Every structure is written in C-alpha cells, then in structure tokens.
C-alpha cells in the first residue's frame, strides 16, 4: 500500500517538474521571438521618438528591365553632400531619417547607418563631405572616395563618385545614379557589399 502511495507522489512530482520546465521554455522562446526590431532602432536614436516603417522596398524588377532603374536624363540635381534632408509639408519642412544596414559578403561584417541624405563609401577613414562614411581599407582597388548612397525624394540611389575601377550593382557597372533596394549587391573594387535592410521614417 505505502509503495503505491510513494510511487504516485513521485510520479506527480516528476510530471509537475516537467510541466514547469516546458512552460519556462515556451516563455523564453516567446520572449526571443517577440524581439522588436523597431525598439532596438529607437534605442539607437536615444531620445528621438521616431516611428519607422517596417521596411522600405521598391517592387523587384526582373533582370530584363533592370535598365529602367537608372535615372535617364537626370534634370533635378542630387542633394549636396552634408545637406540635411527636408520635405516640405503644409506644416513646414520636416526632416526624414533613413536606416541602412549593409553587410560585407567577404567578412560578414555588418554596418548600420542612420542618416538623412548620404553615405560615402571608399578607402578613406572618413569624409567631411558626407553624414556617414563606410571605410573599406583592406581593398587597394577601392578609391579613397569610391561611391555614395544618396537620398533623392523618397528613394535611395547608388552613385559612382569618379572611382578608378568603377562601381557595380548586382554585377553591372553603373554609369549614372541607380535606385538601390534590399538584397542588392554593391561592388567596389574586389569588395561585395549586400544591402540587408532599407528602413525609412514613417510619414
């Protein structure tokens, strides 16, 4: 009689422990899965209470129409380097911010940039001409100022800055500013840089 009572208590305790462990694991997994990228972004902005769209992405065009992404006969000049972006509204000028996440496909190193108008890319360590600068120092085929990501209206463009070996987008050399979007691969020298995320401030 006592044997069965003891066995029943042990089985009950064992089942209770298993249930507690399962609940704890589910709670931990839910916490990890529910990690909010936007909250991390707001932390990066410190005291700024900006809201950002989940992701900004142009409709993907097929390879046959890739030429249409270039800006033929560009008539409107791109913003000058270092000039803050301002969109006119009925309430006056409003600053728009972007967040761009890039990844070096050779080193897997990721770069996060929060900016208004432009990011320079080159072998220099920095440049006062641009708000932010991505330095590629371990590639001798990269020019000191190789190319730039420049905002124009509600799009981001990749522009070659007179580099010696040219700038490539998805394996194709660009001759004029071209719209960039997620999953594009920027080629500078022997370095390949993938566009992982393009986020913009919510209207």
N, C-alpha and C. Protein backbone atom coordinates (compact mmCIF):
# COMPACT_ATOMS: atom_id res chain seq x y z
N UNK A 1 0.81 -1.20 0.00
CA UNK A 1 0.00 0.00 0.00
C UNK A 1 0.86 1.27 0.00
N UNK A 2 1.80 1.35 0.97
CA UNK A 2 2.69 2.51 1.03
C UNK A 2 3.54 2.64 -0.22
N UNK A 3 3.88 1.50 -0.78
CA UNK A 3 4.71 1.52 -2.01
C UNK A 3 3.99 2.28 -3.12
N UNK A 4 2.70 2.02 -3.33
CA UNK A 4 1.95 2.67 -4.41
C UNK A 4 1.72 4.16 -4.12
N UNK A 5 1.53 4.47 -2.82
CA UNK A 5 1.36 5.88 -2.47
C UNK A 5 2.63 6.68 -2.78
N UNK A 6 3.79 6.11 -2.37
CA UNK A 6 5.07 6.77 -2.64
C UNK A 6 5.30 6.91 -4.13
N UNK A 7 5.02 5.84 -4.89
CA UNK A 7 5.21 5.89 -6.36
C UNK A 7 4.31 6.95 -6.98
N UNK A 8 3.06 7.05 -6.49
CA UNK A 8 2.14 8.04 -7.02
C UNK A 8 2.63 9.46 -6.77
N UNK A 9 3.17 9.69 -5.54
CA UNK A 9 3.70 11.02 -5.22
C UNK A 9 4.89 11.37 -6.10
N UNK A 10 5.79 10.40 -6.29
CA UNK A 10 6.97 10.62 -7.13
C UNK A 10 6.58 10.93 -8.57
N UNK A 11 5.60 10.16 -9.09
CA UNK A 11 5.15 10.41 -10.47
C UNK A 11 4.53 11.80 -10.59
N UNK A 12 3.72 12.19 -9.59
CA UNK A 12 3.09 13.50 -9.61
C UNK A 12 4.14 14.62 -9.60
N UNK A 13 5.16 14.48 -8.72
CA UNK A 13 6.22 15.49 -8.65
C UNK A 13 6.98 15.58 -9.97
N UNK A 14 7.27 14.40 -10.58
CA UNK A 14 8.00 14.38 -11.84
C UNK A 14 7.21 15.08 -12.94
N UNK A 15 5.90 14.79 -13.03
CA UNK A 15 5.05 15.43 -14.04
C UNK A 15 4.98 16.93 -13.80
N UNK A 16 4.88 17.34 -12.55
CA UNK A 16 4.82 18.76 -12.23
C UNK A 16 6.10 19.49 -12.64
N UNK A 17 7.24 18.86 -12.38
CA UNK A 17 8.52 19.46 -12.79
C UNK A 17 8.62 19.59 -14.30
N UNK A 18 8.17 18.56 -15.03
CA UNK A 18 8.20 18.60 -16.50
C UNK A 18 7.33 19.74 -17.02
N UNK A 19 6.13 19.89 -16.44
CA UNK A 19 5.23 20.98 -16.87
C UNK A 19 5.86 22.33 -16.62
N UNK A 20 6.48 22.51 -15.45
CA UNK A 20 7.12 23.79 -15.12
C UNK A 20 8.25 24.10 -16.11
N UNK A 21 9.06 23.08 -16.44
CA UNK A 21 10.17 23.28 -17.39
C UNK A 21 9.64 23.65 -18.76
N UNK A 22 8.58 22.97 -19.23
CA UNK A 22 8.01 23.26 -20.56
C UNK A 22 7.46 24.69 -20.61
N UNK A 23 6.75 25.10 -19.56
CA UNK A 23 6.20 26.47 -19.52
C UNK A 23 7.31 27.50 -19.54
N UNK A 24 8.38 27.24 -18.77
CA UNK A 24 9.51 28.18 -18.74
C UNK A 24 10.18 28.30 -20.10
N UNK A 25 10.36 27.15 -20.79
CA UNK A 25 10.99 27.17 -22.11
C UNK A 25 10.13 27.91 -23.12
N UNK A 26 8.81 27.68 -23.08
CA UNK A 26 7.91 28.38 -24.01
C UNK A 26 7.94 29.89 -23.78
N UNK A 27 7.97 30.28 -22.49
CA UNK A 27 8.02 31.71 -22.17
C UNK A 27 9.30 32.35 -22.68
N UNK A 28 10.42 31.64 -22.52
CA UNK A 28 11.70 32.17 -23.00
C UNK A 28 11.71 32.29 -24.51
N UNK A 29 11.17 31.27 -25.20
CA UNK A 29 11.15 31.30 -26.67
C UNK A 29 10.26 32.43 -27.17
N UNK A 30 9.12 32.63 -26.50
CA UNK A 30 8.22 33.71 -26.90
C UNK A 30 8.89 35.06 -26.75
N UNK A 31 9.67 35.21 -25.67
CA UNK A 31 10.39 36.47 -25.44
C UNK A 31 11.41 36.72 -26.54
N UNK A 32 12.13 35.66 -26.95
CA UNK A 32 13.14 35.80 -28.00
C UNK A 32 12.49 36.10 -29.34
N UNK A 33 11.40 35.35 -29.67
CA UNK A 33 10.73 35.54 -30.96
C UNK A 33 10.06 36.90 -31.05
N UNK A 34 9.66 37.46 -29.92
CA UNK A 34 8.95 38.72 -29.92
C UNK A 34 9.86 39.93 -29.85
N UNK A 35 11.15 39.75 -30.05
CA UNK A 35 12.10 40.86 -30.02
C UNK A 35 11.77 41.86 -31.10
N UNK A 36 11.54 43.08 -30.71
CA UNK A 36 11.04 44.10 -31.62
C UNK A 36 12.20 44.90 -32.20
N UNK A 37 12.40 44.76 -33.51
CA UNK A 37 13.49 45.46 -34.18
C UNK A 37 13.34 46.96 -34.06
N UNK A 38 12.08 47.42 -34.13
CA UNK A 38 11.84 48.86 -34.05
C UNK A 38 12.26 49.42 -32.69
N UNK A 39 12.09 48.61 -31.62
CA UNK A 39 12.52 49.08 -30.32
C UNK A 39 14.03 49.26 -30.27
N UNK A 40 14.76 48.33 -30.89
CA UNK A 40 16.22 48.46 -30.94
C UNK A 40 16.60 49.72 -31.70
N UNK A 41 15.89 49.99 -32.77
CA UNK A 41 16.16 51.17 -33.58
C UNK A 41 15.92 52.44 -32.77
N UNK A 42 14.82 52.47 -32.00
CA UNK A 42 14.54 53.64 -31.20
C UNK A 42 15.61 53.86 -30.14
N UNK A 43 16.18 52.74 -29.60
CA UNK A 43 17.27 52.88 -28.64
C UNK A 43 18.48 53.53 -29.29
N UNK A 44 18.73 53.16 -30.56
CA UNK A 44 19.86 53.75 -31.28
C UNK A 44 19.68 55.25 -31.43
N UNK A 45 18.42 55.70 -31.52
CA UNK A 45 18.15 57.11 -31.73
C UNK A 45 18.10 57.89 -30.42
N UNK A 46 18.37 57.21 -29.31
CA UNK A 46 18.39 57.81 -27.98
C UNK A 46 17.05 58.46 -27.67
N UNK A 47 16.99 59.78 -27.60
CA UNK A 47 15.78 60.46 -27.13
C UNK A 47 14.79 60.78 -28.24
N UNK A 48 15.11 60.46 -29.48
CA UNK A 48 14.22 60.79 -30.59
C UNK A 48 13.08 59.78 -30.65
N UNK A 49 11.84 60.25 -30.70
CA UNK A 49 10.67 59.37 -30.74
C UNK A 49 10.18 59.26 -32.17
N UNK A 50 10.98 58.66 -33.05
CA UNK A 50 10.59 58.49 -34.43
C UNK A 50 9.92 57.13 -34.61
N UNK A 51 8.96 57.07 -35.54
CA UNK A 51 8.37 55.79 -35.92
C UNK A 51 8.86 55.47 -37.32
N UNK A 52 9.21 54.20 -37.53
CA UNK A 52 9.76 53.80 -38.81
C UNK A 52 8.90 52.73 -39.45
N UNK A 53 8.81 52.78 -40.77
CA UNK A 53 8.12 51.72 -41.47
C UNK A 53 8.88 50.42 -41.28
N UNK A 54 8.15 49.30 -41.36
CA UNK A 54 8.78 48.00 -41.15
C UNK A 54 9.92 47.80 -42.13
N UNK A 55 9.67 48.14 -43.39
CA UNK A 55 10.76 48.06 -44.36
C UNK A 55 10.36 48.80 -45.61
N UNK A 56 11.31 49.52 -46.19
CA UNK A 56 11.06 50.23 -47.44
C UNK A 56 11.70 49.44 -48.56
N UNK A 57 10.91 49.07 -49.56
CA UNK A 57 11.46 48.29 -50.65
C UNK A 57 10.71 48.60 -51.93
N UNK A 58 11.44 48.90 -52.96
CA UNK A 58 10.86 49.09 -54.28
C UNK A 58 10.42 47.74 -54.83
N UNK A 59 9.36 47.71 -55.66
CA UNK A 59 8.98 46.43 -56.28
C UNK A 59 10.15 45.87 -57.07
N UNK A 60 10.43 44.58 -56.88
CA UNK A 60 11.56 43.94 -57.55
C UNK A 60 11.30 43.85 -59.04
N UNK A 61 12.23 44.35 -59.82
CA UNK A 61 12.11 44.28 -61.27
C UNK A 61 12.90 43.10 -61.80
N UNK A 62 12.40 42.52 -62.89
CA UNK A 62 13.11 41.40 -63.50
C UNK A 62 14.37 41.91 -64.17
N UNK A 63 15.31 41.00 -64.43
CA UNK A 63 16.61 41.40 -64.96
C UNK A 63 16.49 42.10 -66.31
N UNK A 64 15.47 41.69 -67.11
CA UNK A 64 15.35 42.26 -68.45
C UNK A 64 15.05 43.76 -68.41
N UNK A 65 14.48 44.24 -67.29
CA UNK A 65 14.10 45.65 -67.21
C UNK A 65 14.96 46.41 -66.21
N UNK A 66 16.14 45.86 -65.90
CA UNK A 66 16.99 46.50 -64.90
C UNK A 66 17.44 47.88 -65.32
N UNK A 67 17.49 48.14 -66.65
CA UNK A 67 17.91 49.45 -67.13
C UNK A 67 16.96 50.55 -66.66
N UNK A 68 15.70 50.19 -66.39
CA UNK A 68 14.73 51.19 -66.01
C UNK A 68 14.99 51.76 -64.63
N UNK A 69 15.88 51.14 -63.88
CA UNK A 69 16.17 51.66 -62.54
C UNK A 69 17.12 52.85 -62.60
N UNK A 70 17.77 53.06 -63.72
CA UNK A 70 18.65 54.20 -63.84
C UNK A 70 17.82 55.46 -64.05
N UNK A 71 18.42 56.59 -63.85
CA UNK A 71 17.72 57.86 -63.97
C UNK A 71 18.12 58.50 -65.29
N UNK A 72 17.35 58.29 -66.36
CA UNK A 72 17.72 58.84 -67.66
C UNK A 72 17.54 60.35 -67.69
N UNK A 73 18.52 61.03 -68.29
CA UNK A 73 18.43 62.47 -68.46
C UNK A 73 18.13 63.19 -67.16
N UNK A 74 18.93 62.90 -66.16
CA UNK A 74 18.69 63.50 -64.83
C UNK A 74 18.67 65.02 -64.94
N UNK A 75 17.53 65.60 -64.51
CA UNK A 75 17.40 67.05 -64.60
C UNK A 75 17.43 67.70 -63.22
N UNK A 76 16.96 66.96 -62.19
CA UNK A 76 16.96 67.51 -60.84
C UNK A 76 18.24 67.13 -60.14
N UNK A 77 19.03 68.09 -59.66
CA UNK A 77 20.31 67.75 -59.02
C UNK A 77 20.11 67.00 -57.73
N UNK A 78 21.05 66.12 -57.39
CA UNK A 78 21.01 65.40 -56.14
C UNK A 78 21.38 66.35 -55.01
N UNK A 79 20.93 66.06 -53.79
CA UNK A 79 21.27 66.95 -52.67
C UNK A 79 22.77 67.06 -52.49
N UNK A 80 23.22 68.23 -52.12
CA UNK A 80 24.65 68.41 -51.87
C UNK A 80 25.06 67.60 -50.65
N UNK A 81 26.30 67.08 -50.67
CA UNK A 81 26.79 66.26 -49.57
C UNK A 81 26.74 67.05 -48.28
N UNK A 82 26.22 66.40 -47.22
CA UNK A 82 26.16 67.05 -45.92
C UNK A 82 24.91 67.88 -45.69
N UNK A 83 24.09 68.06 -46.73
CA UNK A 83 22.89 68.87 -46.59
C UNK A 83 21.79 68.03 -45.97
N UNK A 84 21.16 68.51 -44.92
CA UNK A 84 20.11 67.78 -44.23
C UNK A 84 18.86 67.69 -45.09
N UNK A 85 18.20 66.50 -45.06
CA UNK A 85 17.00 66.30 -45.87
C UNK A 85 15.79 66.98 -45.25
N UNK A 86 15.06 67.72 -46.06
CA UNK A 86 13.85 68.38 -45.58
C UNK A 86 12.77 68.25 -46.64
N UNK A 87 11.63 67.65 -46.27
CA UNK A 87 10.50 67.53 -47.17
C UNK A 87 9.48 68.61 -46.76
N UNK A 88 8.97 69.38 -47.73
CA UNK A 88 8.02 70.44 -47.43
C UNK A 88 6.62 69.86 -47.25
N UNK A 89 5.96 70.24 -46.19
CA UNK A 89 4.58 69.87 -45.95
C UNK A 89 3.79 71.12 -45.64
N UNK A 90 2.49 70.95 -45.40
CA UNK A 90 1.65 72.10 -45.08
C UNK A 90 2.08 72.74 -43.76
N UNK A 91 2.79 71.97 -42.92
CA UNK A 91 3.24 72.50 -41.64
C UNK A 91 4.67 73.01 -41.69
N UNK A 92 5.28 72.96 -42.85
CA UNK A 92 6.65 73.42 -42.98
C UNK A 92 7.61 72.26 -43.22
N UNK A 93 8.92 72.52 -43.23
CA UNK A 93 9.90 71.48 -43.52
C UNK A 93 9.96 70.43 -42.41
N UNK A 94 10.03 69.16 -42.81
CA UNK A 94 10.12 68.04 -41.88
C UNK A 94 11.32 67.17 -42.25
N UNK A 95 12.17 66.90 -41.29
CA UNK A 95 13.33 66.06 -41.55
C UNK A 95 12.93 64.59 -41.65
N UNK A 96 13.50 63.88 -42.59
CA UNK A 96 13.25 62.46 -42.77
C UNK A 96 14.54 61.70 -42.52
N UNK A 97 14.45 60.65 -41.75
CA UNK A 97 15.63 59.83 -41.50
C UNK A 97 15.51 58.47 -42.17
N UNK A 98 16.66 57.92 -42.49
CA UNK A 98 16.75 56.58 -43.07
C UNK A 98 17.66 55.72 -42.19
N UNK A 99 17.44 54.41 -42.24
CA UNK A 99 18.38 53.47 -41.65
C UNK A 99 18.74 52.45 -42.72
N UNK A 100 20.03 52.27 -42.95
CA UNK A 100 20.52 51.35 -43.95
C UNK A 100 21.46 50.36 -43.28
N UNK A 101 21.20 49.07 -43.50
CA UNK A 101 22.05 48.01 -42.95
C UNK A 101 22.76 47.32 -44.11
N UNK A 102 24.10 47.37 -44.09
CA UNK A 102 24.92 46.78 -45.13
C UNK A 102 25.76 45.65 -44.54
N UNK A 103 26.13 44.67 -45.39
CA UNK A 103 26.97 43.56 -44.92
C UNK A 103 28.07 43.27 -45.94
N UNK A 104 29.32 43.24 -45.47
CA UNK A 104 30.45 42.85 -46.30
C UNK A 104 30.38 41.35 -46.51
N UNK A 105 30.18 40.89 -47.74
CA UNK A 105 29.98 39.47 -48.01
C UNK A 105 31.25 38.65 -47.82
N UNK A 106 32.41 39.30 -47.77
CA UNK A 106 33.66 38.58 -47.56
C UNK A 106 33.94 38.36 -46.08
N UNK A 107 33.68 39.39 -45.28
CA UNK A 107 33.99 39.32 -43.84
C UNK A 107 32.75 39.08 -42.97
N UNK A 108 31.55 39.20 -43.58
CA UNK A 108 30.28 39.08 -42.86
C UNK A 108 30.08 40.19 -41.84
N UNK A 109 30.85 41.24 -41.94
CA UNK A 109 30.71 42.36 -41.02
C UNK A 109 29.53 43.22 -41.44
N UNK A 110 28.68 43.59 -40.47
CA UNK A 110 27.50 44.40 -40.75
C UNK A 110 27.72 45.84 -40.31
N UNK A 111 27.11 46.76 -41.05
CA UNK A 111 27.24 48.18 -40.78
C UNK A 111 25.85 48.81 -40.74
N UNK A 112 25.51 49.49 -39.65
CA UNK A 112 24.24 50.17 -39.50
C UNK A 112 24.46 51.68 -39.64
N UNK A 113 23.68 52.31 -40.50
CA UNK A 113 23.79 53.75 -40.70
C UNK A 113 22.43 54.40 -40.52
N UNK A 114 22.37 55.44 -39.69
CA UNK A 114 21.18 56.28 -39.57
C UNK A 114 21.57 57.65 -40.12
N UNK A 115 20.83 58.13 -41.12
CA UNK A 115 21.25 59.34 -41.82
C UNK A 115 20.05 60.02 -42.45
N UNK A 116 20.29 61.21 -42.99
CA UNK A 116 19.25 61.97 -43.68
C UNK A 116 19.43 61.91 -45.21
N UNK A 117 20.64 62.17 -45.68
CA UNK A 117 20.82 62.37 -47.12
C UNK A 117 21.86 61.48 -47.79
N UNK A 118 22.97 61.16 -47.13
CA UNK A 118 24.02 60.49 -47.88
C UNK A 118 24.98 59.70 -47.00
N UNK A 119 25.57 58.69 -47.63
CA UNK A 119 26.63 57.88 -47.02
C UNK A 119 27.74 57.74 -48.06
N UNK A 120 28.97 58.08 -47.70
CA UNK A 120 30.10 57.89 -48.59
C UNK A 120 30.71 56.50 -48.40
N UNK A 121 31.28 55.95 -49.46
CA UNK A 121 31.95 54.65 -49.40
C UNK A 121 33.30 54.79 -50.09
N UNK A 122 34.37 54.35 -49.42
CA UNK A 122 35.69 54.45 -50.02
C UNK A 122 36.77 53.96 -49.07
N UNK A 123 38.02 54.13 -49.50
CA UNK A 123 39.17 53.64 -48.73
C UNK A 123 39.60 54.62 -47.64
N UNK A 124 39.10 55.85 -47.68
CA UNK A 124 39.42 56.81 -46.63
C UNK A 124 38.79 56.36 -45.31
N UNK A 125 39.30 56.91 -44.23
CA UNK A 125 38.72 56.60 -42.92
C UNK A 125 37.45 57.39 -42.68
N UNK A 126 37.35 58.55 -43.29
CA UNK A 126 36.18 59.40 -43.08
C UNK A 126 36.18 60.48 -44.14
N UNK A 127 35.07 61.20 -44.24
CA UNK A 127 34.99 62.32 -45.17
C UNK A 127 33.98 63.32 -44.64
N UNK A 128 34.40 64.57 -44.55
CA UNK A 128 33.51 65.62 -44.04
C UNK A 128 32.42 65.96 -45.04
N UNK A 129 32.54 65.46 -46.26
CA UNK A 129 31.53 65.74 -47.28
C UNK A 129 30.23 64.99 -47.03
N UNK A 130 30.30 63.90 -46.23
CA UNK A 130 29.15 63.03 -46.05
C UNK A 130 28.75 62.93 -44.58
N UNK A 131 27.45 62.65 -44.36
CA UNK A 131 26.97 62.47 -42.99
C UNK A 131 27.61 61.24 -42.35
N UNK A 132 27.63 60.14 -43.07
CA UNK A 132 28.22 58.90 -42.58
C UNK A 132 29.18 58.38 -43.66
N UNK A 133 30.12 57.51 -43.25
CA UNK A 133 31.11 57.02 -44.20
C UNK A 133 31.44 55.56 -43.90
N UNK A 134 31.39 54.72 -44.94
CA UNK A 134 31.78 53.31 -44.83
C UNK A 134 33.19 53.17 -45.37
N UNK A 135 34.13 52.86 -44.49
CA UNK A 135 35.54 52.77 -44.88
C UNK A 135 35.89 51.34 -45.26
N UNK A 136 36.43 51.17 -46.48
CA UNK A 136 36.88 49.86 -46.98
C UNK A 136 38.39 49.96 -47.19
N UNK A 137 39.15 49.71 -46.14
CA UNK A 137 40.59 49.99 -46.17
C UNK A 137 41.44 48.80 -46.64
N UNK A 138 40.87 47.60 -46.64
CA UNK A 138 41.68 46.42 -46.98
C UNK A 138 41.57 46.02 -48.45
N UNK A 139 41.05 46.92 -49.29
CA UNK A 139 40.92 46.63 -50.72
C UNK A 139 41.62 47.73 -51.51
N UNK A 140 42.81 47.47 -52.06
CA UNK A 140 43.56 48.52 -52.77
C UNK A 140 42.89 48.98 -54.07
N UNK A 141 41.92 48.22 -54.58
CA UNK A 141 41.22 48.61 -55.80
C UNK A 141 40.09 49.61 -55.54
N UNK A 142 39.84 49.89 -54.26
CA UNK A 142 38.81 50.86 -53.90
C UNK A 142 39.43 52.25 -53.83
N UNK A 143 38.79 53.23 -54.45
CA UNK A 143 39.28 54.61 -54.43
C UNK A 143 39.01 55.23 -53.06
N UNK A 144 39.75 56.31 -52.76
CA UNK A 144 39.56 56.98 -51.47
C UNK A 144 38.11 57.41 -51.29
N UNK A 145 37.51 57.99 -52.30
CA UNK A 145 36.07 58.23 -52.32
C UNK A 145 35.54 57.51 -53.55
N UNK A 146 34.93 56.37 -53.34
CA UNK A 146 34.58 55.49 -54.46
C UNK A 146 33.16 55.74 -54.96
N UNK A 147 32.19 55.70 -54.05
CA UNK A 147 30.79 55.88 -54.44
C UNK A 147 30.02 56.41 -53.24
N UNK A 148 28.74 56.63 -53.44
CA UNK A 148 27.91 57.16 -52.34
C UNK A 148 26.48 56.68 -52.49
N UNK A 149 25.81 56.55 -51.36
CA UNK A 149 24.36 56.32 -51.33
C UNK A 149 23.73 57.67 -51.03
N UNK A 150 22.87 58.12 -51.94
CA UNK A 150 22.31 59.47 -51.85
C UNK A 150 20.80 59.42 -51.89
N UNK A 151 20.18 60.13 -50.96
CA UNK A 151 18.71 60.23 -50.97
C UNK A 151 18.26 61.27 -51.98
N UNK A 152 17.23 60.90 -52.74
CA UNK A 152 16.57 61.88 -53.62
C UNK A 152 15.08 61.61 -53.52
N UNK A 153 14.36 62.57 -52.95
CA UNK A 153 12.94 62.43 -52.66
C UNK A 153 12.73 61.22 -51.75
N UNK A 154 11.97 60.21 -52.17
CA UNK A 154 11.68 59.09 -51.28
C UNK A 154 12.41 57.81 -51.70
N UNK A 155 13.56 57.96 -52.35
CA UNK A 155 14.34 56.80 -52.78
C UNK A 155 15.82 57.00 -52.44
N UNK A 156 16.55 55.90 -52.38
CA UNK A 156 17.99 55.94 -52.19
C UNK A 156 18.66 55.49 -53.48
N UNK A 157 19.69 56.22 -53.89
CA UNK A 157 20.40 55.93 -55.13
C UNK A 157 21.87 55.63 -54.83
N UNK A 158 22.43 54.74 -55.64
CA UNK A 158 23.86 54.47 -55.62
C UNK A 158 24.50 55.29 -56.73
N UNK A 159 25.53 56.08 -56.38
CA UNK A 159 26.17 56.96 -57.36
C UNK A 159 27.68 56.77 -57.31
N UNK A 160 28.29 56.53 -58.47
CA UNK A 160 29.75 56.46 -58.54
C UNK A 160 30.32 57.86 -58.42
N UNK A 161 31.40 57.99 -57.65
CA UNK A 161 32.00 59.31 -57.40
C UNK A 161 33.31 59.49 -58.16
N UNK A 162 33.33 59.00 -59.39
CA UNK A 162 34.53 59.13 -60.22
C UNK A 162 35.63 58.15 -59.82
N UNK A 163 35.25 56.96 -59.38
CA UNK A 163 36.23 55.97 -58.93
C UNK A 163 37.09 55.45 -60.09
N UNK A 164 38.28 54.98 -59.75
CA UNK A 164 39.21 54.48 -60.77
C UNK A 164 38.71 53.18 -61.41
N UNK A 165 38.15 52.29 -60.61
CA UNK A 165 37.75 50.97 -61.12
C UNK A 165 36.24 50.78 -61.25
N UNK A 166 35.49 51.84 -61.04
CA UNK A 166 34.04 51.76 -61.27
C UNK A 166 33.26 51.17 -60.10
N UNK A 167 31.97 51.44 -60.12
CA UNK A 167 31.05 50.92 -59.11
C UNK A 167 30.04 50.02 -59.79
N UNK A 168 29.75 48.89 -59.14
CA UNK A 168 28.85 47.89 -59.73
C UNK A 168 27.65 47.65 -58.83
N UNK A 169 26.52 47.38 -59.45
CA UNK A 169 25.31 46.99 -58.73
C UNK A 169 24.80 45.69 -59.33
N UNK A 170 24.81 44.64 -58.51
CA UNK A 170 24.42 43.31 -58.96
C UNK A 170 25.22 42.85 -60.18
N UNK A 171 26.52 43.15 -60.17
CA UNK A 171 27.42 42.71 -61.22
C UNK A 171 27.44 43.59 -62.45
N UNK A 172 26.70 44.67 -62.47
CA UNK A 172 26.63 45.54 -63.64
C UNK A 172 27.17 46.92 -63.29
N UNK A 173 28.10 47.40 -64.08
CA UNK A 173 28.71 48.70 -63.82
C UNK A 173 27.69 49.81 -64.05
N UNK A 174 27.61 50.74 -63.10
CA UNK A 174 26.64 51.83 -63.23
C UNK A 174 27.32 53.04 -63.86
N UNK A 175 26.56 53.74 -64.69
CA UNK A 175 27.07 54.93 -65.35
C UNK A 175 26.43 56.19 -64.80
N UNK A 176 25.29 56.03 -64.12
CA UNK A 176 24.59 57.14 -63.52
C UNK A 176 23.87 56.63 -62.28
N UNK A 177 23.32 57.52 -61.43
CA UNK A 177 22.69 57.05 -60.20
C UNK A 177 21.60 56.02 -60.44
N UNK A 178 21.59 54.96 -59.60
CA UNK A 178 20.65 53.86 -59.74
C UNK A 178 19.98 53.60 -58.39
N UNK A 179 18.68 53.35 -58.40
CA UNK A 179 17.94 53.07 -57.17
C UNK A 179 18.46 51.77 -56.54
N UNK A 180 18.64 51.78 -55.22
CA UNK A 180 19.04 50.57 -54.52
C UNK A 180 17.89 50.10 -53.62
N UNK A 181 17.87 48.80 -53.36
CA UNK A 181 16.86 48.20 -52.51
C UNK A 181 17.42 46.97 -51.83
N UNK A 182 16.63 46.37 -50.96
CA UNK A 182 17.10 45.21 -50.20
C UNK A 182 17.54 44.09 -51.13
N UNK A 183 18.59 43.37 -50.74
CA UNK A 183 19.17 42.24 -51.46
C UNK A 183 20.07 42.65 -52.62
N UNK A 184 20.16 43.95 -52.92
CA UNK A 184 21.11 44.39 -53.95
C UNK A 184 22.53 44.18 -53.43
N UNK A 185 23.47 43.96 -54.36
CA UNK A 185 24.88 43.79 -54.01
C UNK A 185 25.69 44.89 -54.69
N UNK A 186 26.35 45.71 -53.87
CA UNK A 186 27.18 46.80 -54.36
C UNK A 186 28.61 46.28 -54.50
N UNK A 187 29.22 46.49 -55.66
CA UNK A 187 30.59 46.06 -55.90
C UNK A 187 31.53 47.24 -55.99
N UNK A 188 32.53 47.29 -55.10
CA UNK A 188 33.57 48.32 -55.15
C UNK A 188 34.91 47.59 -55.09
N UNK A 189 35.74 47.74 -56.12
CA UNK A 189 36.99 47.00 -56.18
C UNK A 189 36.71 45.51 -56.16
N UNK A 190 37.36 44.79 -55.22
CA UNK A 190 37.11 43.36 -55.06
C UNK A 190 36.09 43.09 -53.95
N UNK A 191 35.51 44.12 -53.39
CA UNK A 191 34.62 44.00 -52.23
C UNK A 191 33.16 43.99 -52.67
N UNK A 192 32.40 43.07 -52.08
CA UNK A 192 30.96 42.98 -52.35
C UNK A 192 30.21 43.32 -51.07
N UNK A 193 29.28 44.26 -51.17
CA UNK A 193 28.52 44.73 -50.02
C UNK A 193 27.03 44.55 -50.31
N UNK A 194 26.37 43.76 -49.48
CA UNK A 194 24.95 43.49 -49.70
C UNK A 194 24.08 44.44 -48.89
N UNK A 195 22.98 44.89 -49.50
CA UNK A 195 22.01 45.72 -48.81
C UNK A 195 21.06 44.79 -48.05
N UNK A 196 21.17 44.76 -46.72
CA UNK A 196 20.38 43.84 -45.91
C UNK A 196 19.01 44.43 -45.55
N UNK A 197 18.98 45.71 -45.22
CA UNK A 197 17.72 46.36 -44.83
C UNK A 197 17.73 47.80 -45.30
N UNK A 198 16.55 48.28 -45.71
CA UNK A 198 16.36 49.70 -46.03
C UNK A 198 15.13 50.15 -45.26
N UNK A 199 15.31 51.00 -44.27
CA UNK A 199 14.21 51.48 -43.43
C UNK A 199 14.13 52.99 -43.54
N UNK A 200 12.91 53.50 -43.55
CA UNK A 200 12.77 54.96 -43.61
C UNK A 200 11.77 55.41 -42.55
N UNK A 201 11.86 56.67 -42.21
CA UNK A 201 10.96 57.24 -41.20
C UNK A 201 9.53 57.21 -41.71
N UNK A 202 8.61 56.82 -40.84
CA UNK A 202 7.20 56.76 -41.22
C UNK A 202 6.66 58.16 -41.47
N UNK A 203 5.82 58.26 -42.52
CA UNK A 203 5.22 59.57 -42.85
C UNK A 203 4.23 59.98 -41.78
